[in-house]
ModelCIF file with pLDDT and N, C-alpha, C, O atoms, coordinates in Angstrom:
data_MODEL
#
_entry.id   MODEL 
#
_entity.id                         1 
_entity.type                       polymer 
_entity.pdbx_number_of_molecules   1 
#
_entity_poly.entity_id                      1 
_entity_poly.type                           'polypeptide(L)' 
_entity_poly.nstd_linkage                   no 
_entity_poly.nstd_monomer                   no 
_entity_poly.pdbx_seq_one_letter_code       SVPVRDPDEYETEQWEVEESIEECAAMLPSVADA 
_entity_poly.pdbx_seq_one_letter_code_can   SVPVRDPDEYETEQWEVEESIEECAAMLPSVADA 
_entity_poly.pdbx_strand_id                 A 
#
loop_
_entity_poly_seq.entity_id 
_entity_poly_seq.num 
_entity_poly_seq.mon_id 
_entity_poly_seq.hetero 
1 1  SER n 
1 2  VAL n 
1 3  PRO n 
1 4  VAL n 
1 5  ARG n 
1 6  ASP n 
1 7  PRO n 
1 8  ASP n 
1 9  GLU n 
1 10 TYR n 
1 11 GLU n 
1 12 THR n 
1 13 GLU n 
1 14 GLN n 
1 15 TRP n 
1 16 GLU n 
1 17 VAL n 
1 18 GLU n 
1 19 GLU n 
1 20 SER n 
1 21 ILE n 
1 22 GLU n 
1 23 GLU n 
1 24 CYS n 
1 25 ALA n 
1 26 ALA n 
1 27 MET n 
1 28 LEU n 
1 29 PRO n 
1 30 SER n 
1 31 VAL n 
1 32 ALA n 
1 33 ASP n 
1 34 ALA n 
#
_struct_asym.id          A 
_struct_asym.entity_id   1 
#
loop_
_ma_qa_metric.id 
_ma_qa_metric.mode 
_ma_qa_metric.name 
_ma_qa_metric.software_group_id 
_ma_qa_metric.type 
1 global pLDDT . pLDDT 
2 local  pLDDT . pLDDT 
#
_ma_qa_metric_global.metric_id      1 
_ma_qa_metric_global.metric_value   96.41 
_ma_qa_metric_global.model_id       1 
_ma_qa_metric_global.ordinal_id     1 
#
loop_
_ma_qa_metric_local.label_asym_id 
_ma_qa_metric_local.label_comp_id 
_ma_qa_metric_local.label_seq_id 
_ma_qa_metric_local.metric_id 
_ma_qa_metric_local.metric_value 
_ma_qa_metric_local.model_id 
_ma_qa_metric_local.ordinal_id 
A SER 1  2 94.00 1 1  
A VAL 2  2 95.00 1 2  
A PRO 3  2 95.00 1 3  
A VAL 4  2 96.00 1 4  
A ARG 5  2 94.00 1 5  
A ASP 6  2 95.00 1 6  
A PRO 7  2 96.00 1 7  
A ASP 8  2 96.00 1 8  
A GLU 9  2 95.00 1 9  
A TYR 10 2 95.00 1 10 
A GLU 11 2 95.00 1 11 
A THR 12 2 96.00 1 12 
A GLU 13 2 96.00 1 13 
A GLN 14 2 97.00 1 14 
A TRP 15 2 97.00 1 15 
A GLU 16 2 97.00 1 16 
A VAL 17 2 97.00 1 17 
A GLU 18 2 97.00 1 18 
A GLU 19 2 97.00 1 19 
A SER 20 2 97.00 1 20 
A ILE 21 2 98.00 1 21 
A GLU 22 2 97.00 1 22 
A GLU 23 2 97.00 1 23 
A CYS 24 2 98.00 1 24 
A ALA 25 2 98.00 1 25 
A ALA 26 2 98.00 1 26 
A MET 27 2 97.00 1 27 
A LEU 28 2 98.00 1 28 
A PRO 29 2 97.00 1 29 
A SER 30 2 96.00 1 30 
A VAL 31 2 97.00 1 31 
A ALA 32 2 97.00 1 32 
A ASP 33 2 96.00 1 33 
A ALA 34 2 97.00 1 34 
#
loop_
_atom_site.group_PDB 
_atom_site.id 
_atom_site.type_symbol 
_atom_site.label_atom_id 
_atom_site.label_alt_id 
_atom_site.label_comp_id 
_atom_site.label_asym_id 
_atom_site.label_entity_id 
_atom_site.label_seq_id 
_atom_site.pdbx_PDB_ins_code 
_atom_site.Cartn_x 
_atom_site.Cartn_y 
_atom_site.Cartn_z 
_atom_site.occupancy 
_atom_site.B_iso_or_equiv 
_atom_site.pdbx_formal_charge 
_atom_site.auth_seq_id 
_atom_site.auth_comp_id 
_atom_site.auth_asym_id 
_atom_site.auth_atom_id 
_atom_site.pdbx_PDB_model_num 
ATOM 1   N N  . SER A 1 1  ? 95.113 100.111 98.871  1.00 94.00 ? 1  SER A N  1 
ATOM 2   C CA . SER A 1 1  ? 96.198 99.761  99.386  1.00 94.00 ? 1  SER A CA 1 
ATOM 3   C C  . SER A 1 1  ? 96.821 101.212 100.303 1.00 94.00 ? 1  SER A C  1 
ATOM 4   O O  . SER A 1 1  ? 97.772 101.931 99.998  1.00 94.00 ? 1  SER A O  1 
ATOM 5   N N  . VAL A 1 2  ? 95.649 101.334 101.827 1.00 95.00 ? 2  VAL A N  1 
ATOM 6   C CA . VAL A 1 2  ? 95.669 103.265 102.218 1.00 95.00 ? 2  VAL A CA 1 
ATOM 7   C C  . VAL A 1 2  ? 96.214 102.314 103.563 1.00 95.00 ? 2  VAL A C  1 
ATOM 8   O O  . VAL A 1 2  ? 96.054 101.157 103.953 1.00 95.00 ? 2  VAL A O  1 
ATOM 9   N N  . PRO A 1 3  ? 97.232 104.003 104.184 1.00 95.00 ? 3  PRO A N  1 
ATOM 10  C CA . PRO A 1 3  ? 97.417 103.576 105.972 1.00 95.00 ? 3  PRO A CA 1 
ATOM 11  C C  . PRO A 1 3  ? 96.370 103.393 105.779 1.00 95.00 ? 3  PRO A C  1 
ATOM 12  O O  . PRO A 1 3  ? 95.356 103.638 105.125 1.00 95.00 ? 3  PRO A O  1 
ATOM 13  N N  . VAL A 1 4  ? 97.432 102.224 107.473 1.00 96.00 ? 4  VAL A N  1 
ATOM 14  C CA . VAL A 1 4  ? 95.698 102.544 108.931 1.00 96.00 ? 4  VAL A CA 1 
ATOM 15  C C  . VAL A 1 4  ? 97.146 102.934 109.801 1.00 96.00 ? 4  VAL A C  1 
ATOM 16  O O  . VAL A 1 4  ? 98.241 102.808 109.253 1.00 96.00 ? 4  VAL A O  1 
ATOM 17  N N  . ARG A 1 5  ? 96.987 103.511 111.480 1.00 94.00 ? 5  ARG A N  1 
ATOM 18  C CA . ARG A 1 5  ? 97.430 104.131 112.534 1.00 94.00 ? 5  ARG A CA 1 
ATOM 19  C C  . ARG A 1 5  ? 96.793 102.238 112.767 1.00 94.00 ? 5  ARG A C  1 
ATOM 20  O O  . ARG A 1 5  ? 97.294 101.236 112.258 1.00 94.00 ? 5  ARG A O  1 
ATOM 21  N N  . ASP A 1 6  ? 95.977 102.292 113.388 1.00 95.00 ? 6  ASP A N  1 
ATOM 22  C CA . ASP A 1 6  ? 95.363 101.004 114.497 1.00 95.00 ? 6  ASP A CA 1 
ATOM 23  C C  . ASP A 1 6  ? 94.874 99.580  113.208 1.00 95.00 ? 6  ASP A C  1 
ATOM 24  O O  . ASP A 1 6  ? 93.831 99.637  112.556 1.00 95.00 ? 6  ASP A O  1 
ATOM 25  N N  . PRO A 1 7  ? 95.638 98.708  113.124 1.00 96.00 ? 7  PRO A N  1 
ATOM 26  C CA . PRO A 1 7  ? 94.762 97.705  113.082 1.00 96.00 ? 7  PRO A CA 1 
ATOM 27  C C  . PRO A 1 7  ? 93.632 97.067  113.216 1.00 96.00 ? 7  PRO A C  1 
ATOM 28  O O  . PRO A 1 7  ? 93.260 96.306  112.323 1.00 96.00 ? 7  PRO A O  1 
ATOM 29  N N  . ASP A 1 8  ? 93.084 97.214  114.055 1.00 96.00 ? 8  ASP A N  1 
ATOM 30  C CA . ASP A 1 8  ? 91.688 97.318  114.730 1.00 96.00 ? 8  ASP A CA 1 
ATOM 31  C C  . ASP A 1 8  ? 90.640 97.983  115.051 1.00 96.00 ? 8  ASP A C  1 
ATOM 32  O O  . ASP A 1 8  ? 89.583 97.666  115.596 1.00 96.00 ? 8  ASP A O  1 
ATOM 33  N N  . GLU A 1 9  ? 91.299 99.501  114.414 1.00 95.00 ? 9  GLU A N  1 
ATOM 34  C CA . GLU A 1 9  ? 89.923 100.650 114.318 1.00 95.00 ? 9  GLU A CA 1 
ATOM 35  C C  . GLU A 1 9  ? 90.859 100.985 112.907 1.00 95.00 ? 9  GLU A C  1 
ATOM 36  O O  . GLU A 1 9  ? 92.027 100.907 112.528 1.00 95.00 ? 9  GLU A O  1 
ATOM 37  N N  . TYR A 1 10 ? 89.768 101.330 112.500 1.00 95.00 ? 10 TYR A N  1 
ATOM 38  C CA . TYR A 1 10 ? 90.296 101.869 110.900 1.00 95.00 ? 10 TYR A CA 1 
ATOM 39  C C  . TYR A 1 10 ? 89.224 102.267 110.039 1.00 95.00 ? 10 TYR A C  1 
ATOM 40  O O  . TYR A 1 10 ? 88.273 101.505 110.209 1.00 95.00 ? 10 TYR A O  1 
ATOM 41  N N  . GLU A 1 11 ? 88.965 103.239 109.100 1.00 95.00 ? 11 GLU A N  1 
ATOM 42  C CA . GLU A 1 11 ? 88.278 102.974 108.494 1.00 95.00 ? 11 GLU A CA 1 
ATOM 43  C C  . GLU A 1 11 ? 87.667 102.898 106.783 1.00 95.00 ? 11 GLU A C  1 
ATOM 44  O O  . GLU A 1 11 ? 88.491 103.040 105.879 1.00 95.00 ? 11 GLU A O  1 
ATOM 45  N N  . THR A 1 12 ? 86.494 102.714 106.516 1.00 96.00 ? 12 THR A N  1 
ATOM 46  C CA . THR A 1 12 ? 86.909 101.482 105.120 1.00 96.00 ? 12 THR A CA 1 
ATOM 47  C C  . THR A 1 12 ? 85.772 102.695 104.499 1.00 96.00 ? 12 THR A C  1 
ATOM 48  O O  . THR A 1 12 ? 84.730 103.132 104.987 1.00 96.00 ? 12 THR A O  1 
ATOM 49  N N  . GLU A 1 13 ? 86.644 103.070 102.927 1.00 96.00 ? 13 GLU A N  1 
ATOM 50  C CA . GLU A 1 13 ? 85.523 104.073 102.205 1.00 96.00 ? 13 GLU A CA 1 
ATOM 51  C C  . GLU A 1 13 ? 85.592 103.118 101.192 1.00 96.00 ? 13 GLU A C  1 
ATOM 52  O O  . GLU A 1 13 ? 86.458 102.265 100.994 1.00 96.00 ? 13 GLU A O  1 
ATOM 53  N N  . GLN A 1 14 ? 84.209 103.456 100.354 1.00 97.00 ? 14 GLN A N  1 
ATOM 54  C CA . GLN A 1 14 ? 82.861 103.409 99.754  1.00 97.00 ? 14 GLN A CA 1 
ATOM 55  C C  . GLN A 1 14 ? 84.330 103.524 97.710  1.00 97.00 ? 14 GLN A C  1 
ATOM 56  O O  . GLN A 1 14 ? 84.116 102.871 96.688  1.00 97.00 ? 14 GLN A O  1 
ATOM 57  N N  . TRP A 1 15 ? 85.091 104.158 97.842  1.00 97.00 ? 15 TRP A N  1 
ATOM 58  C CA . TRP A 1 15 ? 85.526 104.199 97.150  1.00 97.00 ? 15 TRP A CA 1 
ATOM 59  C C  . TRP A 1 15 ? 87.073 103.364 96.384  1.00 97.00 ? 15 TRP A C  1 
ATOM 60  O O  . TRP A 1 15 ? 87.855 103.214 95.445  1.00 97.00 ? 15 TRP A O  1 
ATOM 61  N N  . GLU A 1 16 ? 86.701 103.106 97.500  1.00 97.00 ? 16 GLU A N  1 
ATOM 62  C CA . GLU A 1 16 ? 87.997 100.937 97.653  1.00 97.00 ? 16 GLU A CA 1 
ATOM 63  C C  . GLU A 1 16 ? 87.185 99.645  96.920  1.00 97.00 ? 16 GLU A C  1 
ATOM 64  O O  . GLU A 1 16 ? 87.436 98.557  96.403  1.00 97.00 ? 16 GLU A O  1 
ATOM 65  N N  . VAL A 1 17 ? 86.177 100.414 97.197  1.00 97.00 ? 17 VAL A N  1 
ATOM 66  C CA . VAL A 1 17 ? 85.057 99.466  96.497  1.00 97.00 ? 17 VAL A CA 1 
ATOM 67  C C  . VAL A 1 17 ? 84.826 99.527  95.039  1.00 97.00 ? 17 VAL A C  1 
ATOM 68  O O  . VAL A 1 17 ? 85.148 98.723  94.164  1.00 97.00 ? 17 VAL A O  1 
ATOM 69  N N  . GLU A 1 18 ? 84.336 100.405 94.983  1.00 97.00 ? 18 GLU A N  1 
ATOM 70  C CA . GLU A 1 18 ? 83.714 100.983 93.403  1.00 97.00 ? 18 GLU A CA 1 
ATOM 71  C C  . GLU A 1 18 ? 84.907 100.760 92.363  1.00 97.00 ? 18 GLU A C  1 
ATOM 72  O O  . GLU A 1 18 ? 84.863 100.301 91.221  1.00 97.00 ? 18 GLU A O  1 
ATOM 73  N N  . GLU A 1 19 ? 86.401 101.411 93.407  1.00 97.00 ? 19 GLU A N  1 
ATOM 74  C CA . GLU A 1 19 ? 87.635 101.155 92.236  1.00 97.00 ? 19 GLU A CA 1 
ATOM 75  C C  . GLU A 1 19 ? 88.334 99.937  92.058  1.00 97.00 ? 19 GLU A C  1 
ATOM 76  O O  . GLU A 1 19 ? 88.908 99.707  90.994  1.00 97.00 ? 19 GLU A O  1 
ATOM 77  N N  . SER A 1 20 ? 88.338 99.183  92.943  1.00 97.00 ? 20 SER A N  1 
ATOM 78  C CA . SER A 1 20 ? 88.505 97.586  92.612  1.00 97.00 ? 20 SER A CA 1 
ATOM 79  C C  . SER A 1 20 ? 87.571 96.518  91.551  1.00 97.00 ? 20 SER A C  1 
ATOM 80  O O  . SER A 1 20 ? 87.963 95.458  91.064  1.00 97.00 ? 20 SER A O  1 
ATOM 81  N N  . ILE A 1 21 ? 86.408 97.086  91.405  1.00 98.00 ? 21 ILE A N  1 
ATOM 82  C CA . ILE A 1 21 ? 85.733 96.764  90.561  1.00 98.00 ? 21 ILE A CA 1 
ATOM 83  C C  . ILE A 1 21 ? 85.892 96.921  89.228  1.00 98.00 ? 21 ILE A C  1 
ATOM 84  O O  . ILE A 1 21 ? 85.685 96.014  88.422  1.00 98.00 ? 21 ILE A O  1 
ATOM 85  N N  . GLU A 1 22 ? 86.434 98.594  88.788  1.00 97.00 ? 22 GLU A N  1 
ATOM 86  C CA . GLU A 1 22 ? 85.758 98.944  88.095  1.00 97.00 ? 22 GLU A CA 1 
ATOM 87  C C  . GLU A 1 22 ? 87.904 98.865  87.202  1.00 97.00 ? 22 GLU A C  1 
ATOM 88  O O  . GLU A 1 22 ? 88.264 99.117  86.052  1.00 97.00 ? 22 GLU A O  1 
ATOM 89  N N  . GLU A 1 23 ? 88.473 98.555  88.049  1.00 97.00 ? 23 GLU A N  1 
ATOM 90  C CA . GLU A 1 23 ? 90.426 97.727  87.368  1.00 97.00 ? 23 GLU A CA 1 
ATOM 91  C C  . GLU A 1 23 ? 89.729 96.770  87.251  1.00 97.00 ? 23 GLU A C  1 
ATOM 92  O O  . GLU A 1 23 ? 89.179 96.066  86.404  1.00 97.00 ? 23 GLU A O  1 
ATOM 93  N N  . CYS A 1 24 ? 89.856 96.882  88.215  1.00 98.00 ? 24 CYS A N  1 
ATOM 94  C CA . CYS A 1 24 ? 89.093 95.212  87.411  1.00 98.00 ? 24 CYS A CA 1 
ATOM 95  C C  . CYS A 1 24 ? 88.659 94.435  85.843  1.00 98.00 ? 24 CYS A C  1 
ATOM 96  O O  . CYS A 1 24 ? 89.125 93.667  85.001  1.00 98.00 ? 24 CYS A O  1 
ATOM 97  N N  . ALA A 1 25 ? 87.746 95.037  86.070  1.00 98.00 ? 25 ALA A N  1 
ATOM 98  C CA . ALA A 1 25 ? 86.489 94.839  85.238  1.00 98.00 ? 25 ALA A CA 1 
ATOM 99  C C  . ALA A 1 25 ? 87.099 95.551  83.801  1.00 98.00 ? 25 ALA A C  1 
ATOM 100 O O  . ALA A 1 25 ? 86.443 95.659  82.765  1.00 98.00 ? 25 ALA A O  1 
ATOM 101 N N  . ALA A 1 26 ? 88.599 96.041  84.000  1.00 98.00 ? 26 ALA A N  1 
ATOM 102 C CA . ALA A 1 26 ? 89.490 96.085  83.125  1.00 98.00 ? 26 ALA A CA 1 
ATOM 103 C C  . ALA A 1 26 ? 89.748 95.989  82.230  1.00 98.00 ? 26 ALA A C  1 
ATOM 104 O O  . ALA A 1 26 ? 89.668 96.624  81.179  1.00 98.00 ? 26 ALA A O  1 
ATOM 105 N N  . MET A 1 27 ? 90.335 94.588  82.775  1.00 97.00 ? 27 MET A N  1 
ATOM 106 C CA . MET A 1 27 ? 89.851 92.871  82.865  1.00 97.00 ? 27 MET A CA 1 
ATOM 107 C C  . MET A 1 27 ? 89.332 92.060  81.915  1.00 97.00 ? 27 MET A C  1 
ATOM 108 O O  . MET A 1 27 ? 89.800 91.428  80.969  1.00 97.00 ? 27 MET A O  1 
ATOM 109 N N  . LEU A 1 28 ? 88.125 92.244  82.442  1.00 98.00 ? 28 LEU A N  1 
ATOM 110 C CA . LEU A 1 28 ? 87.174 91.138  82.655  1.00 98.00 ? 28 LEU A CA 1 
ATOM 111 C C  . LEU A 1 28 ? 85.915 91.568  82.742  1.00 98.00 ? 28 LEU A C  1 
ATOM 112 O O  . LEU A 1 28 ? 85.302 91.108  83.706  1.00 98.00 ? 28 LEU A O  1 
ATOM 113 N N  . PRO A 1 29 ? 85.441 92.161  82.181  1.00 97.00 ? 29 PRO A N  1 
ATOM 114 C CA . PRO A 1 29 ? 83.944 93.700  81.565  1.00 97.00 ? 29 PRO A CA 1 
ATOM 115 C C  . PRO A 1 29 ? 83.623 92.496  82.809  1.00 97.00 ? 29 PRO A C  1 
ATOM 116 O O  . PRO A 1 29 ? 84.175 92.281  83.888  1.00 97.00 ? 29 PRO A O  1 
ATOM 117 N N  . SER A 1 30 ? 82.997 92.140  82.429  1.00 96.00 ? 30 SER A N  1 
ATOM 118 C CA . SER A 1 30 ? 81.492 90.749  83.290  1.00 96.00 ? 30 SER A CA 1 
ATOM 119 C C  . SER A 1 30 ? 81.698 90.803  84.204  1.00 96.00 ? 30 SER A C  1 
ATOM 120 O O  . SER A 1 30 ? 80.595 90.553  84.691  1.00 96.00 ? 30 SER A O  1 
ATOM 121 N N  . VAL A 1 31 ? 82.795 91.066  85.567  1.00 97.00 ? 31 VAL A N  1 
ATOM 122 C CA . VAL A 1 31 ? 82.475 91.527  86.916  1.00 97.00 ? 31 VAL A CA 1 
ATOM 123 C C  . VAL A 1 31 ? 81.918 92.508  87.567  1.00 97.00 ? 31 VAL A C  1 
ATOM 124 O O  . VAL A 1 31 ? 81.451 92.378  88.698  1.00 97.00 ? 31 VAL A O  1 
ATOM 125 N N  . ALA A 1 32 ? 81.923 94.303  86.455  1.00 97.00 ? 32 ALA A N  1 
ATOM 126 C CA . ALA A 1 32 ? 80.925 95.005  86.374  1.00 97.00 ? 32 ALA A CA 1 
ATOM 127 C C  . ALA A 1 32 ? 80.178 94.933  87.395  1.00 97.00 ? 32 ALA A C  1 
ATOM 128 O O  . ALA A 1 32 ? 80.422 95.223  88.566  1.00 97.00 ? 32 ALA A O  1 
ATOM 129 N N  . ASP A 1 33 ? 78.867 94.368  86.709  1.00 96.00 ? 33 ASP A N  1 
ATOM 130 C CA . ASP A 1 33 ? 77.537 93.803  86.760  1.00 96.00 ? 33 ASP A CA 1 
ATOM 131 C C  . ASP A 1 33 ? 77.086 92.787  87.412  1.00 96.00 ? 33 ASP A C  1 
ATOM 132 O O  . ASP A 1 33 ? 76.026 92.556  87.993  1.00 96.00 ? 33 ASP A O  1 
ATOM 133 N N  . ALA A 1 34 ? 78.276 92.068  87.191  1.00 97.00 ? 34 ALA A N  1 
ATOM 134 C CA . ALA A 1 34 ? 78.451 91.088  88.352  1.00 97.00 ? 34 ALA A CA 1 
ATOM 135 C C  . ALA A 1 34 ? 77.711 90.575  90.258  1.00 97.00 ? 34 ALA A C  1 
ATOM 136 O O  . ALA A 1 34 ? 78.200 89.629  90.876  1.00 97.00 ? 34 ALA A O  1 
#
């Protein structure tokens, strides 16, 4: 959940991907390497 100014033009960050995988893997470890 990251605020954006423009719903059409916004940057995306690799940390969001990595953090989502890492945190979800805390519940379901096998997704870390899927």
